C-alpha cells in the first residue's frame, strides 16, 4: 500500500510525504504492523550490464 499526504488548505492531493512526516506516522501507527519509506533514485532508472547486455533497470531505495 502507498500512503500519500494531502492538504485542502494548500490545494494538494496525493503529495509525497517528507521524512519527518514519515517518522511521525511510523511512531504513531496503530493499525499497520509497520511502515517503510522508499525513495526513487536516478529518476527511477539506472543502466546495468546483465548477461553482457546493457539494460535499463528501475530502482528505488527503501528505509524501514
C-alpha atoms as a PDB file:
ATOM      1  CA  UNK A   1       0.000   0.000   0.000  1.00  0.00           C
ATOM      2  CA  UNK A   2       1.250   3.523  -0.717  1.00  0.00           C
ATOM      3  CA  UNK A   3       0.193   6.349   1.585  1.00  0.00           C
ATOM      4  CA  UNK A   4       0.075   9.963   0.460  1.00  0.00           C
ATOM      5  CA  UNK A   5      -0.423  13.272   2.204  1.00  0.00           C
ATOM      6  CA  UNK A   6      -2.978  15.905   1.169  1.00  0.00           C
ATOM      7  CA  UNK A   7      -3.887  19.421   2.258  1.00  0.00           C
ATOM      8  CA  UNK A   8      -7.148  21.155   1.436  1.00  0.00           C
ATOM      9  CA  UNK A   9      -5.691  24.458   2.645  1.00  0.00           C
ATOM     10  CA  UNK A  10      -2.762  24.188   0.219  1.00  0.00           C
ATOM     11  CA  UNK A  11      -4.815  22.532  -2.503  1.00  0.00           C
ATOM     12  CA  UNK A  12      -2.563  19.470  -2.738  1.00  0.00           C
ATOM     13  CA  UNK A  13      -3.711  15.917  -3.352  1.00  0.00           C
ATOM     14  CA  UNK A  14      -1.587  12.766  -3.197  1.00  0.00           C
ATOM     15  CA  UNK A  15       1.616  14.599  -2.291  1.00  0.00           C
ATOM     16  CA  UNK A  16       4.789  12.763  -1.353  1.00  0.00           C
ATOM     17  CA  UNK A  17       5.484  12.600   2.377  1.00  0.00           C
ATOM     18  CA  UNK A  18       8.537  14.219   3.945  1.00  0.00           C
ATOM     19  CA  UNK A  19      10.977  12.132   6.000  1.00  0.00           C
ATOM     20  CA  UNK A  20       9.841  13.935   9.159  1.00  0.00           C
ATOM     21  CA  UNK A  21       6.178  13.136   8.499  1.00  0.00           C
ATOM     22  CA  UNK A  22       7.074   9.510   7.780  1.00  0.00           C
ATOM     23  CA  UNK A  23       8.923   9.176  11.105  1.00  0.00           C
ATOM     24  CA  UNK A  24       5.927  10.714  12.905  1.00  0.00           C
ATOM     25  CA  UNK A  25       3.431   8.413  11.177  1.00  0.00           C
ATOM     26  CA  UNK A  26       5.579   5.346  11.863  1.00  0.00           C
ATOM     27  CA  UNK A  27       5.840   6.150  15.567  1.00  0.00           C
ATOM     28  CA  UNK A  28       2.065   6.610  15.883  1.00  0.00           C
ATOM     29  CA  UNK A  29       0.875   3.770  13.619  1.00  0.00           C
ATOM     30  CA  UNK A  30      -1.647   1.515  15.348  1.00  0.00           C
ATOM     31  CA  UNK A  31      -3.465  -0.272  12.511  1.00  0.00           C
ATOM     32  CA  UNK A  32      -0.402  -1.225  10.448  1.00  0.00           C
ATOM     33  CA  UNK A  33       2.261  -3.672  11.570  1.00  0.00           C
ATOM     34  CA  UNK A  34       4.988  -1.406  10.179  1.00  0.00           C
ATOM     35  CA  UNK A  35       5.816   1.328   7.698  1.00  0.00           C
ATOM     36  CA  UNK A  36       8.726   1.741   5.306  1.00  0.00           C
ATOM     37  CA  UNK A  37       9.736   4.708   3.186  1.00  0.00           C
ATOM     38  CA  UNK A  38      11.097   4.431  -0.321  1.00  0.00           C
ATOM     39  CA  UNK A  39      12.852   6.955  -2.475  1.00  0.00           C
ATOM     40  CA  UNK A  40      13.214   6.696  -6.248  1.00  0.00           C
ATOM     41  CA  UNK A  41      16.841   7.157  -7.273  1.00  0.00           C
ATOM     42  CA  UNK A  42      18.358   8.393 -10.526  1.00  0.00           C
ATOM     43  CA  UNK A  43      14.964   9.425 -11.891  1.00  0.00           C
ATOM     44  CA  UNK A  44      13.863   5.861 -11.125  1.00  0.00           C
ATOM     45  CA  UNK A  45      16.108   4.248 -13.737  1.00  0.00           C
ATOM     46  CA  UNK A  46      19.740   3.231 -13.921  1.00  0.00           C
ATOM     47  CA  UNK A  47      21.814   1.374 -16.512  1.00  0.00           C
ATOM     48  CA  UNK A  48      23.194  -2.057 -15.593  1.00  0.00           C
ATOM     49  CA  UNK A  49      25.012  -4.685 -17.622  1.00  0.00           C
ATOM     50  CA  UNK A  50      23.157  -8.007 -17.364  1.00  0.00           C
ATOM     51  CA  UNK A  51      24.479 -11.070 -19.213  1.00  0.00           C
ATOM     52  CA  UNK A  52      26.832  -8.742 -21.111  1.00  0.00           C
ATOM     53  CA  UNK A  53      23.990  -6.563 -22.404  1.00  0.00           C
ATOM     54  CA  UNK A  54      23.148  -3.036 -21.208  1.00  0.00           C
ATOM     55  CA  UNK A  55      19.711  -2.962 -19.552  1.00  0.00           C
ATOM     56  CA  UNK A  56      17.661  -0.095 -18.129  1.00  0.00           C
ATOM     57  CA  UNK A  57      16.644  -1.078 -14.582  1.00  0.00           C
ATOM     58  CA  UNK A  58      14.045   0.739 -12.487  1.00  0.00           C
ATOM     59  CA  UNK A  59      15.369   1.273  -8.974  1.00  0.00           C
ATOM     60  CA  UNK A  60      14.338   2.607  -5.574  1.00  0.00           C
ATOM     61  CA  UNK A  61      15.904   2.739  -2.142  1.00  0.00           C
ATOM     62  CA  UNK A  62      13.928   1.702   0.935  1.00  0.00           C
ATOM     63  CA  UNK A  63      14.193   2.846   4.559  1.00  0.00           C
ATOM     64  CA  UNK A  64      12.391   0.995   7.291  1.00  0.00           C
END
